[in-house]
Amino acid sequence: MLDANPSIERRQKVRIATVCRMSDAVAVIWDDAMLEYDLGGDHPLHPIRLELTIALARTLGVFEAPAITRLAPIVADEELLHRIHTPAYIDAVKRAPHDPYGAGHGLGTPDNPIFDRMHEASSLIVGGSIQAAEWVWSGKGDHAANIAGGLHHAMADNASGFCVYNDPALAISWLLGQGAQRIAYVDVDVHHGDGVQAAFYDDPRVLTISLHQSPLSLFPGTGFPEETGRGEGIGTSINVALPPRTDDGGWLRAFHSVVPSALRAFAPDVLVSQCGCDAHRDDPLADLALSIDGQRASYGAMHDLAHEICGGRWLILGGGGYGLVRCVPRAWTHLLAIVGGRPVDPETTIPAEWLEDVHKRKLRAIPPTRMTEDESAAYTPWEPGGADAIDAAIQRTRRASFPLLGLDPDDPRD
């Protein structure tokens, strides 16, 4: 396990530590070994999406930003995995490549096929997210990113939705163990962040916010606005369930009508973001309609909220995204550039070196030539009483969750 830092037992101390930290140091966790998390064949979660992202970011000079330090991940040990996952499940993951027919626990399905070194590859993803959390919490810098992470569907005792171990939940649990008092998790993946919500559904220290396509039309079938928490955690789960074909303007209206107010009311010490980019309009597994430009705007908004509310303390994880050539590399290159403090101009032409690499791989998709899709990412602020389906979804979420946070669901200033 990573070395623990001394616990900070009072929020006042947390706030002081935040103010005193370095302001210009960012970690990007990456090593080609992370590509070993490979579900095989034509599985949608193909590691080439990560490989092409890192290559595009490199050719555009993102990693040359003076703030960025690239770190190789370490492997998370079993003691750390036990913070979220059961011993029986971990044993099943370890055993599965040698006993594929007896694994159980959701392993060996079309969504979650068994692959060689599954436990080791999955533990490396977790280790990368814990390492990013340690960078932020220890005060080494403001932000840290692990785009190979964000495997938010895994449950305590089973694999789900392409996810073996739930690295976001494990990173949050690790941060709580170091003395973090309040953590906010914002999930912009098109699929509901069900595994993270389940892990902290009764924990008042963790606020989970998920913006996703309606569970009536998409896996995993959870994430209704009325899912607001349980027991002491009532009010700390927020779900925005959006109708199919929601575009940039509608999605950003929903984000800005819910997320900033909820974060300000909760006042977290750390912001954790799961930045799945499968809400893109061309994603083959879902039906929302964001552009690269809208996604870039969401990353900028989360960056600004981290600085406003958490003193810059921001942990960034990847997630879904199945447009392997046209979506993921551009979206997450923009994300890494924003994290590193040197955003890429959307009008930037994609370098010939990267395009040649894509052509050599003989991928079916036509590669993009620019870092934009020429969308404005403008939105109209929410007002109560809106007649369309997006406004109805916003209203439903606010009425379910805002009173539990002491906010007025019908006041657009909240």
Protein backbone atom coordinates (compact mmCIF):
# COMPACT_ATOMS: atom_id res chain seq x y z
CA MET A 1 0.00 0.00 0.00
CA LEU A 2 1.11 3.56 -0.56
CA ASP A 3 2.54 5.22 2.51
CA ALA A 4 -0.14 7.03 4.48
CA ASN A 5 0.17 10.71 5.22
CA PRO A 6 -0.60 11.97 8.71
CA SER A 7 -4.35 12.35 9.19
CA ILE A 8 -5.79 15.86 9.14
CA GLU A 9 -8.53 15.66 11.70
CA ARG A 10 -10.11 19.08 11.45
CA ARG A 11 -11.46 20.83 8.35
CA GLN A 12 -9.74 24.03 9.43
CA LYS A 13 -6.40 22.28 9.07
CA VAL A 14 -7.48 20.91 5.69
CA ARG A 15 -8.26 24.40 4.47
CA ILE A 16 -4.92 25.75 5.67
CA ALA A 17 -3.08 22.89 4.00
CA THR A 18 -4.90 23.63 0.76
CA VAL A 19 -3.89 27.28 0.80
CA CYS A 20 -0.25 26.46 1.49
CA ARG A 21 0.18 23.81 -1.18
CA MET A 22 2.13 24.22 -4.39
CA SER A 23 -0.14 25.76 -7.03
CA ASP A 24 1.61 24.81 -10.27
CA ALA A 25 2.40 21.11 -9.97
CA VAL A 26 0.31 18.51 -11.80
CA ALA A 27 0.78 14.75 -12.07
CA VAL A 28 -0.27 12.65 -15.05
CA ILE A 29 -0.12 8.95 -14.22
CA TRP A 30 0.80 6.84 -17.21
CA ASP A 31 2.79 3.85 -18.34
CA ASP A 32 2.29 1.63 -21.38
CA ALA A 33 1.76 -1.26 -18.95
CA MET A 34 -1.71 0.19 -18.37
CA LEU A 35 -2.61 -1.01 -21.86
CA GLU A 36 -2.61 -4.55 -20.44
CA TYR A 37 -6.13 -3.88 -19.18
CA ASP A 38 -7.37 -5.40 -22.42
CA LEU A 39 -10.73 -7.14 -22.62
CA GLY A 40 -9.75 -8.58 -25.97
CA GLY A 41 -10.92 -8.79 -29.57
CA ASP A 42 -13.44 -6.16 -30.61
CA HIS A 43 -14.48 -5.29 -27.06
CA PRO A 44 -15.58 -1.63 -26.96
CA LEU A 45 -13.18 -0.76 -24.11
CA HIS A 46 -10.17 -1.20 -26.36
CA PRO A 47 -6.85 0.05 -24.94
CA ILE A 48 -6.03 1.71 -28.26
CA ARG A 49 -8.19 4.64 -27.14
CA LEU A 50 -5.67 5.32 -24.36
CA GLU A 51 -2.68 4.75 -26.61
CA LEU A 52 -3.99 7.22 -29.20
CA THR A 53 -4.83 9.77 -26.50
CA ILE A 54 -1.34 9.73 -25.03
CA ALA A 55 0.14 9.92 -28.55
CA LEU A 56 -2.03 12.91 -29.51
CA ALA A 57 -1.28 14.72 -26.26
CA ARG A 58 2.42 14.09 -26.80
CA THR A 59 2.48 15.34 -30.42
CA LEU A 60 0.59 18.49 -29.40
CA GLY A 61 3.13 19.20 -26.66
CA VAL A 62 0.71 18.80 -23.77
CA PHE A 63 3.29 17.00 -21.64
CA GLU A 64 5.79 19.81 -22.22
CA ALA A 65 3.77 22.11 -19.97
CA PRO A 66 6.06 23.10 -17.09
CA ALA A 67 3.45 22.13 -14.50
CA ILE A 68 3.20 18.49 -15.59
CA THR A 69 5.11 15.60 -14.07
CA ARG A 70 4.52 12.19 -15.63
CA LEU A 71 4.60 9.32 -13.15
CA ALA A 72 4.48 5.58 -13.70
CA PRO A 73 1.78 3.85 -11.66
CA ILE A 74 2.40 1.37 -8.89
CA VAL A 75 0.40 -1.79 -8.28
CA ALA A 76 -2.23 -1.58 -5.52
CA ASP A 77 -1.91 -4.36 -2.99
CA GLU A 78 -4.74 -6.54 -1.71
CA GLU A 79 -5.05 -4.69 1.59
CA LEU A 80 -5.99 -1.60 -0.35
CA LEU A 81 -8.42 -3.49 -2.62
CA HIS A 82 -10.20 -4.81 0.47
CA ARG A 83 -11.33 -1.26 1.29
CA ILE A 84 -14.08 -1.76 -1.32
CA HIS A 85 -13.97 -5.33 -2.65
CA THR A 86 -14.67 -8.59 -0.82
CA PRO A 87 -11.88 -11.16 -0.33
CA ALA A 88 -13.93 -13.74 -2.24
CA TYR A 89 -14.22 -11.45 -5.26
CA ILE A 90 -10.52 -10.59 -5.29
CA ASP A 91 -9.69 -14.28 -5.12
CA ALA A 92 -12.06 -14.93 -8.04
CA VAL A 93 -10.36 -12.25 -10.14
CA LYS A 94 -6.94 -13.76 -9.40
CA ARG A 95 -8.17 -17.27 -10.17
CA ALA A 96 -10.25 -16.47 -13.25
CA PRO A 97 -7.58 -16.72 -16.00
CA HIS A 98 -6.78 -20.24 -14.80
CA ASP A 99 -10.38 -21.27 -14.04
CA PRO A 100 -12.58 -19.31 -16.46
CA TYR A 101 -15.64 -21.51 -16.06
CA GLY A 102 -15.72 -21.36 -12.30
CA ALA A 103 -14.97 -17.72 -11.66
CA GLY A 104 -18.48 -16.35 -11.11
CA HIS A 105 -18.84 -12.83 -9.67
CA GLY A 106 -19.85 -11.39 -13.05
CA LEU A 107 -16.62 -12.51 -14.69
CA GLY A 108 -16.52 -14.31 -18.02
CA THR A 109 -19.52 -12.49 -19.55
CA PRO A 110 -19.51 -10.62 -22.89
CA ASP A 111 -19.23 -7.33 -20.98
CA ASN A 112 -16.57 -8.59 -18.59
CA PRO A 113 -14.50 -11.23 -20.37
CA ILE A 114 -11.60 -12.86 -18.57
CA PHE A 115 -8.12 -11.98 -19.78
CA ASP A 116 -4.57 -12.91 -18.84
CA ARG A 117 -3.13 -11.12 -15.80
CA MET A 118 -6.52 -9.59 -15.10
CA HIS A 119 -5.85 -9.06 -11.40
CA GLU A 120 -2.41 -7.53 -12.04
CA ALA A 121 -3.63 -5.19 -14.82
CA SER A 122 -6.67 -4.12 -12.79
CA SER A 123 -4.54 -3.54 -9.68
CA LEU A 124 -2.21 -1.33 -11.71
CA ILE A 125 -5.15 0.87 -12.77
CA VAL A 126 -6.17 1.15 -9.12
CA GLY A 127 -2.61 1.91 -8.08
CA GLY A 128 -2.49 4.74 -10.61
CA SER A 129 -5.62 6.32 -9.17
CA ILE A 130 -4.35 5.96 -5.60
CA GLN A 131 -1.04 7.48 -6.65
CA ALA A 132 -2.93 10.42 -8.18
CA ALA A 133 -4.94 10.79 -4.96
CA GLU A 134 -1.73 10.74 -2.90
CA TRP A 135 -0.20 13.46 -5.09
CA VAL A 136 -3.17 15.75 -4.47
CA TRP A 137 -3.70 14.95 -0.79
CA SER A 138 -0.04 15.16 0.22
CA GLY A 139 0.25 18.68 -1.18
CA LYS A 140 2.70 17.84 -3.96
CA GLY A 141 0.42 19.71 -6.34
CA ASP A 142 -3.10 20.76 -7.17
CA HIS A 143 -4.24 18.25 -9.76
CA ALA A 144 -3.50 14.66 -10.75
CA ALA A 145 -4.96 12.61 -13.60
CA ASN A 146 -5.23 8.91 -14.42
CA ILE A 147 -7.13 8.59 -17.69
CA ALA A 148 -6.82 4.79 -17.54
CA GLY A 149 -8.98 4.91 -14.40
CA GLY A 150 -12.62 5.75 -13.90
CA LEU A 151 -13.87 2.13 -13.84
CA HIS A 152 -16.98 3.17 -11.95
CA HIS A 153 -19.36 0.18 -12.42
CA ALA A 154 -17.47 -2.50 -10.44
CA MET A 155 -19.30 -3.53 -7.29
CA ALA A 156 -17.92 -4.85 -4.02
CA ASP A 157 -18.46 -8.47 -5.00
CA ASN A 158 -18.71 -8.49 -8.79
CA ALA A 159 -17.48 -7.10 -12.07
CA SER A 160 -19.86 -4.97 -14.09
CA GLY A 161 -19.90 -2.79 -17.18
CA PHE A 162 -16.31 -3.51 -18.33
CA CYS A 163 -15.00 -2.76 -14.83
CA VAL A 164 -13.11 -5.24 -12.63
CA TYR A 165 -11.96 -3.11 -9.68
CA ASN A 166 -13.60 0.22 -8.85
CA ASP A 167 -10.64 2.59 -8.79
CA PRO A 168 -12.70 5.78 -8.16
CA ALA A 169 -14.30 4.25 -5.07
CA LEU A 170 -10.96 2.92 -3.86
CA ALA A 171 -9.29 6.32 -4.33
CA ILE A 172 -12.10 8.02 -2.40
CA SER A 173 -11.88 5.43 0.37
CA TRP A 174 -8.11 5.91 0.53
CA LEU A 175 -8.55 9.69 0.82
CA LEU A 176 -11.03 9.24 3.66
CA GLY A 177 -8.49 7.03 5.37
CA GLN A 178 -5.92 9.81 5.18
CA GLY A 179 -8.22 12.26 6.97
CA ALA A 180 -10.25 13.91 4.21
CA GLN A 181 -13.50 15.04 5.80
CA ARG A 182 -15.70 15.60 2.74
CA ILE A 183 -15.17 14.42 -0.84
CA ALA A 184 -17.29 15.25 -3.87
CA TYR A 185 -17.41 12.89 -6.84
CA VAL A 186 -18.73 14.26 -10.14
CA ASP A 187 -19.34 11.69 -12.87
CA VAL A 188 -19.99 12.93 -16.43
CA ASP A 189 -19.89 9.50 -18.10
CA VAL A 190 -23.01 8.78 -20.16
CA HIS A 191 -23.69 5.78 -17.88
CA HIS A 192 -24.72 6.18 -14.25
CA GLY A 193 -21.83 5.92 -11.79
CA ASP A 194 -23.58 3.13 -9.95
CA GLY A 195 -20.60 1.40 -8.35
CA VAL A 196 -19.32 4.56 -6.70
CA GLN A 197 -22.80 5.56 -5.57
CA ALA A 198 -23.32 2.10 -4.06
CA ALA A 199 -20.01 2.22 -2.21
CA PHE A 200 -20.91 5.46 -0.39
CA TYR A 201 -24.70 5.49 -0.46
CA ASP A 202 -24.95 5.75 3.32
CA ASP A 203 -21.75 7.76 3.92
CA PRO A 204 -22.37 11.47 4.65
CA ARG A 205 -18.70 12.27 3.92
CA VAL A 206 -19.03 11.57 0.18
CA LEU A 207 -21.26 13.48 -2.23
CA THR A 208 -21.79 11.65 -5.53
CA ILE A 209 -23.20 13.55 -8.51
CA SER A 210 -23.83 11.71 -11.77
CA LEU A 211 -25.06 13.20 -15.05
CA HIS A 212 -26.07 10.42 -17.41
CA GLN A 213 -28.53 9.22 -19.99
CA SER A 214 -31.85 8.20 -18.49
CA PRO A 215 -31.75 4.73 -16.90
CA LEU A 216 -34.97 3.99 -18.78
CA SER A 217 -32.92 3.75 -21.97
CA LEU A 218 -29.38 2.79 -20.97
CA PHE A 219 -27.26 0.48 -18.79
CA PRO A 220 -27.07 0.08 -15.82
CA GLY A 221 -30.73 1.01 -15.30
CA THR A 222 -30.07 3.02 -12.15
CA GLY A 223 -29.51 6.69 -11.43
CA PHE A 224 -33.02 8.05 -11.00
CA PRO A 225 -33.24 11.46 -9.29
CA GLU A 226 -35.01 9.91 -6.31
CA GLU A 227 -31.88 7.90 -5.47
CA THR A 228 -30.65 10.40 -2.88
CA GLY A 229 -28.80 8.27 -0.33
CA ARG A 230 -29.64 6.12 2.67
CA GLY A 231 -29.44 6.53 6.44
CA GLU A 232 -26.83 9.11 7.39
CA GLY A 233 -26.08 9.53 3.68
CA ILE A 234 -29.49 10.91 2.76
CA GLY A 235 -28.94 13.91 0.48
CA THR A 236 -25.44 12.92 -0.63
CA SER A 237 -26.37 11.14 -3.87
CA ILE A 238 -27.51 13.34 -6.75
CA ASN A 239 -28.57 12.02 -10.13
CA VAL A 240 -29.37 13.96 -13.30
CA ALA A 241 -31.03 11.58 -15.76
CA LEU A 242 -31.11 13.17 -19.21
CA PRO A 243 -33.21 12.21 -22.24
CA PRO A 244 -31.60 10.73 -25.34
CA ARG A 245 -30.23 13.26 -27.86
CA THR A 246 -29.44 15.85 -25.19
CA ASP A 247 -26.87 18.12 -26.86
CA ASP A 248 -24.20 20.54 -25.62
CA GLY A 249 -26.59 23.33 -24.70
CA GLY A 250 -29.00 21.10 -22.81
CA TRP A 251 -26.29 19.08 -21.07
CA LEU A 252 -24.37 22.19 -19.97
CA ARG A 253 -27.60 23.78 -18.74
CA ALA A 254 -28.21 20.68 -16.63
CA PHE A 255 -24.63 20.65 -15.32
CA HIS A 256 -24.64 24.31 -14.32
CA SER A 257 -28.10 24.14 -12.77
CA VAL A 258 -27.10 21.34 -10.39
CA VAL A 259 -23.38 20.79 -9.91
CA PRO A 260 -22.02 24.19 -8.78
CA SER A 261 -24.77 24.78 -6.21
CA ALA A 262 -24.48 21.27 -4.80
CA LEU A 263 -20.69 21.48 -4.53
CA ARG A 264 -20.84 24.88 -2.83
CA ALA A 265 -23.40 23.62 -0.33
CA PHE A 266 -21.39 20.47 0.44
CA ALA A 267 -18.02 22.28 0.59
CA PRO A 268 -15.74 19.30 -0.19
CA ASP A 269 -12.05 19.17 0.59
CA VAL A 270 -11.33 17.27 -2.64
CA LEU A 271 -13.10 17.07 -6.00
CA VAL A 272 -12.89 13.72 -7.81
CA SER A 273 -14.07 13.74 -11.43
CA GLN A 274 -14.88 10.74 -13.58
CA CYS A 275 -14.58 12.12 -17.11
CA GLY A 276 -16.01 9.40 -19.31
CA CYS A 277 -16.50 10.90 -22.78
CA ASP A 278 -19.15 8.49 -24.08
CA ALA A 279 -21.79 11.21 -24.00
CA HIS A 280 -20.33 12.23 -27.38
CA ARG A 281 -22.83 12.32 -30.25
CA ASP A 282 -20.96 9.64 -32.23
CA ASP A 283 -20.46 7.19 -29.39
CA PRO A 284 -21.68 3.75 -30.51
CA LEU A 285 -23.00 2.63 -27.10
CA ALA A 286 -25.21 5.54 -26.05
CA ASP A 287 -27.55 8.24 -27.28
CA LEU A 288 -26.53 11.64 -25.92
CA ALA A 289 -25.28 14.24 -28.38
CA LEU A 290 -22.38 16.23 -26.94
CA SER A 291 -19.58 17.51 -29.14
CA ILE A 292 -15.88 17.63 -28.36
CA ASP A 293 -16.41 21.34 -27.69
CA GLY A 294 -19.15 20.69 -25.15
CA GLN A 295 -17.03 18.12 -23.38
CA ARG A 296 -14.09 20.51 -23.30
CA ALA A 297 -16.38 23.09 -21.68
CA SER A 298 -17.37 20.60 -18.98
CA TYR A 299 -13.72 19.95 -18.12
CA GLY A 300 -13.05 23.66 -17.84
CA ALA A 301 -16.06 24.07 -15.56
CA MET A 302 -14.89 21.32 -13.22
CA HIS A 303 -11.39 22.81 -13.17
CA ASP A 304 -12.81 26.19 -12.15
CA LEU A 305 -15.01 24.63 -9.46
CA ALA A 306 -12.04 22.73 -8.02
CA HIS A 307 -10.17 26.00 -7.60
CA GLU A 308 -13.19 27.89 -6.27
CA ILE A 309 -14.32 25.30 -3.73
CA CYS A 310 -11.43 22.89 -3.02
CA GLY A 311 -8.43 25.17 -3.28
CA GLY A 312 -7.51 23.40 -6.52
CA ARG A 313 -7.46 19.91 -5.01
CA TRP A 314 -8.70 17.91 -8.02
CA LEU A 315 -8.36 14.20 -8.88
CA ILE A 316 -9.21 13.42 -12.52
CA LEU A 317 -10.06 9.96 -13.86
CA GLY A 318 -11.03 8.63 -17.28
CA GLY A 319 -13.96 6.29 -17.83
CA GLY A 320 -16.07 5.29 -20.80
CA GLY A 321 -15.67 6.45 -24.38
CA TYR A 322 -15.90 4.18 -27.38
CA GLY A 323 -15.25 6.51 -30.29
CA LEU A 324 -11.70 5.20 -30.36
CA VAL A 325 -10.33 7.60 -32.98
CA ARG A 326 -12.62 10.60 -33.38
CA CYS A 327 -13.73 11.19 -29.80
CA VAL A 328 -11.58 9.83 -26.98
CA PRO A 329 -8.15 11.08 -28.10
CA ARG A 330 -9.37 14.64 -28.69
CA ALA A 331 -11.61 14.84 -25.62
CA TRP A 332 -8.98 13.58 -23.19
CA THR A 333 -6.16 15.52 -24.81
CA HIS A 334 -8.22 18.63 -24.09
CA LEU A 335 -8.76 17.32 -20.56
CA LEU A 336 -5.05 16.73 -19.92
CA ALA A 337 -4.18 20.13 -21.37
CA ILE A 338 -6.68 21.85 -19.06
CA VAL A 339 -5.35 19.86 -16.11
CA GLY A 340 -1.81 20.94 -17.03
CA GLY A 341 -2.72 24.63 -17.19
CA ARG A 342 -2.04 25.02 -20.89
CA PRO A 343 -5.32 24.42 -22.79
CA VAL A 344 -5.17 23.42 -26.45
CA ASP A 345 -6.78 25.92 -28.82
CA PRO A 346 -9.81 24.16 -30.33
CA GLU A 347 -8.79 25.47 -33.76
CA THR A 348 -5.54 23.52 -33.59
CA THR A 349 -4.79 21.28 -36.55
CA ILE A 350 -4.06 17.70 -35.58
CA PRO A 351 -0.40 16.88 -36.36
CA ALA A 352 0.41 14.78 -39.41
CA GLU A 353 2.48 12.45 -37.24
CA TRP A 354 -0.60 11.38 -35.30
CA LEU A 355 -2.72 11.01 -38.43
CA GLU A 356 -0.07 8.81 -40.03
CA ASP A 357 -0.05 6.62 -36.95
CA VAL A 358 -3.82 6.17 -37.18
CA HIS A 359 -3.59 5.28 -40.89
CA LYS A 360 -0.89 2.70 -40.22
CA ARG A 361 -3.13 0.97 -37.71
CA LYS A 362 -5.76 0.48 -40.46
CA LEU A 363 -8.58 1.59 -38.20
CA ARG A 364 -11.99 1.92 -39.83
CA ALA A 365 -12.78 5.41 -38.53
CA ILE A 366 -11.90 8.51 -40.55
CA PRO A 367 -9.55 10.47 -38.26
CA PRO A 368 -10.36 14.06 -37.35
CA THR A 369 -8.19 16.87 -38.66
CA ARG A 370 -8.85 19.56 -36.01
CA MET A 371 -9.33 19.68 -32.26
CA THR A 372 -12.84 21.14 -32.57
CA GLU A 373 -16.20 20.18 -34.04
CA ASP A 374 -17.12 23.84 -34.52
CA GLU A 375 -19.77 23.92 -31.81
CA SER A 376 -20.09 26.94 -29.54
CA ALA A 377 -20.84 25.07 -26.30
CA ALA A 378 -23.15 27.95 -25.36
CA TYR A 379 -26.14 27.24 -23.14
CA THR A 380 -29.17 29.04 -21.72
CA PRO A 381 -29.24 29.14 -17.92
CA TRP A 382 -32.00 27.10 -16.32
CA GLU A 383 -35.21 28.72 -15.14
CA PRO A 384 -38.04 26.91 -13.33
CA GLY A 385 -41.09 26.00 -15.38
CA GLY A 386 -39.27 25.06 -18.60
CA ALA A 387 -41.38 22.97 -20.90
CA ASP A 388 -38.86 20.65 -22.57
CA ALA A 389 -37.68 17.24 -21.39
CA ILE A 390 -34.26 18.52 -20.27
CA ASP A 391 -35.80 21.21 -18.07
CA ALA A 392 -38.16 18.59 -16.61
CA ALA A 393 -35.16 16.36 -15.79
CA ILE A 394 -33.38 19.27 -14.12
CA GLN A 395 -36.46 20.17 -12.10
CA ARG A 396 -36.91 16.57 -10.97
CA THR A 397 -33.33 16.35 -9.76
CA ARG A 398 -33.42 19.68 -7.95
CA ARG A 399 -36.69 18.85 -6.21
CA ALA A 400 -35.39 15.47 -5.09
CA SER A 401 -31.98 16.61 -3.87
CA PHE A 402 -31.74 20.34 -3.24
CA PRO A 403 -33.89 20.56 -0.08
CA LEU A 404 -31.70 17.86 1.48
CA LEU A 405 -28.72 20.20 0.99
CA GLY A 406 -30.56 23.25 2.32
CA LEU A 407 -31.10 24.67 -1.16
CA ASP A 408 -34.25 26.01 -2.82
CA PRO A 409 -35.09 23.79 -5.79
CA ASP A 410 -37.09 26.52 -7.50
CA ASP A 411 -34.62 29.37 -7.08
CA PRO A 412 -32.19 29.50 -10.03
CA ARG A 413 -29.70 31.37 -7.82
CA ASP A 414 -29.29 28.14 -5.80
